[in-house]
Protein backbone atom coordinates (compact mmCIF):
# COMPACT_ATOMS: atom_id res chain seq x y z
CA UNK A 1 111.50 -71.80 121.41
CA UNK A 2 109.61 -68.56 121.42
CA UNK A 3 111.34 -65.66 123.14
CA UNK A 4 109.97 -62.55 124.83
CA UNK A 5 111.93 -59.76 126.47
CA UNK A 6 111.37 -58.00 129.77
CA UNK A 7 114.30 -55.71 128.84
CA UNK A 8 113.94 -54.32 125.30
CA UNK A 9 117.67 -53.54 125.20
CA UNK A 10 118.34 -57.28 125.06
CA UNK A 11 116.13 -57.54 121.96
CA UNK A 12 118.16 -54.80 120.30
CA UNK A 13 121.45 -56.49 121.20
CA UNK A 14 120.26 -59.72 119.59
CA UNK A 15 119.12 -58.22 116.29
CA UNK A 16 121.39 -55.18 115.81
CA UNK A 17 125.09 -55.97 115.26
CA UNK A 18 126.00 -52.41 116.25
CA UNK A 19 124.22 -52.62 119.62
CA UNK A 20 126.19 -53.51 122.76
CA UNK A 21 124.85 -54.86 126.05
CA UNK A 22 127.09 -52.47 127.99
CA UNK A 23 129.17 -55.19 129.61
CA UNK A 24 131.90 -55.63 127.04
CA UNK A 25 132.30 -57.31 123.68
CA UNK A 26 132.81 -60.80 125.13
CA UNK A 27 129.50 -60.65 127.01
CA UNK A 28 127.66 -59.26 123.96
CA UNK A 29 129.04 -62.02 121.74
CA UNK A 30 128.30 -64.64 124.39
CA UNK A 31 124.73 -63.40 124.68
CA UNK A 32 124.22 -63.67 120.93
CA UNK A 33 125.64 -67.20 121.00
CA UNK A 34 123.21 -68.15 123.79
CA UNK A 35 120.34 -66.69 121.80
CA UNK A 36 121.18 -69.06 118.94
CA UNK A 37 120.99 -71.99 121.39
CA UNK A 38 117.70 -70.73 122.83
CA UNK A 39 116.06 -70.26 119.46
CA UNK A 40 117.22 -73.71 118.28
CA UNK A 41 115.92 -75.52 121.39
CA UNK A 42 112.70 -77.50 121.30
CA UNK A 43 112.16 -77.09 125.03
CA UNK A 44 114.11 -76.52 128.27
CA UNK A 45 115.36 -80.12 128.32
CA UNK A 46 117.76 -79.12 125.56
CA UNK A 47 119.32 -76.59 127.95
CA UNK A 48 119.78 -79.17 130.71
CA UNK A 49 121.43 -81.50 128.16
CA UNK A 50 124.07 -78.86 127.34
CA UNK A 51 126.08 -79.02 130.55
CA UNK A 52 128.22 -76.01 129.55
CA UNK A 53 125.16 -73.74 129.87
CA UNK A 54 124.78 -74.55 133.56
CA UNK A 55 121.04 -74.05 133.18
CA UNK A 56 119.61 -74.03 136.69
CA UNK A 57 116.65 -72.92 138.75
CA UNK A 58 117.35 -70.04 141.11
CA UNK A 59 116.52 -70.00 144.81
CA UNK A 60 114.99 -67.63 147.33
CA UNK A 61 113.18 -64.58 146.00
CA UNK A 62 114.10 -65.65 142.47
CA UNK A 63 112.80 -69.23 142.68
CA UNK A 64 110.49 -68.58 139.70
CA UNK A 65 113.50 -67.77 137.48
CA UNK A 66 116.31 -69.70 135.87
CA UNK A 67 119.84 -68.78 134.86
CA UNK A 68 122.10 -69.73 131.99
CA UNK A 69 125.84 -69.10 131.74
CA UNK A 70 127.10 -66.55 129.21
CA UNK A 71 130.72 -66.85 130.37
CA UNK A 72 132.56 -67.53 133.65
CA UNK A 73 131.34 -64.27 135.18
CA UNK A 74 128.02 -63.34 133.55
CA UNK A 75 124.66 -65.13 133.57
CA UNK A 76 121.47 -64.64 131.60
CA UNK A 77 118.41 -64.60 133.88
CA UNK A 78 115.19 -65.88 132.33
CA UNK A 79 111.74 -67.13 133.17
CA UNK A 80 109.83 -70.02 131.57
CA UNK A 81 106.18 -69.36 130.81
CA UNK A 82 103.42 -71.17 128.95
CA UNK A 83 101.07 -69.56 126.46
CA UNK A 84 98.53 -70.93 123.96
CA UNK A 85 101.31 -72.01 121.59
CA UNK A 86 103.57 -73.68 124.16
CA UNK A 87 106.59 -72.65 126.19
CA UNK A 88 107.98 -69.12 126.04
CA UNK A 89 111.29 -67.91 127.43
CA UNK A 90 111.17 -64.41 128.91
CA UNK A 91 114.64 -62.85 129.06
CA UNK A 92 114.97 -60.69 132.15
CA UNK A 93 118.55 -59.46 132.50
CA UNK A 94 122.26 -60.16 132.32
CA UNK A 95 123.86 -60.21 135.76
CA UNK A 96 127.33 -60.55 137.28
CA UNK A 97 127.33 -63.59 139.56
CA UNK A 98 130.67 -62.83 141.25
């Protein structure tokens, strides 16, 4: 899938091995692992099929966003959009859900 970034720091973390997301090495490595899954996916159904991702739609003021598990504590918040070429995932932020 195509990926866009609301937070440019996330782009740097994905492509630069020396960049850190600021939440520890485990979260940085988990984020990079999730990015491999995102880039390999044909569409969001692939995320739902991988139960370990816990890909889910958020509620309330964030009902236009989705989340994906990085590890037990941290989640990647994203938004699904459509452009002329198909679906695009917009990465918003990494948040602590505890």
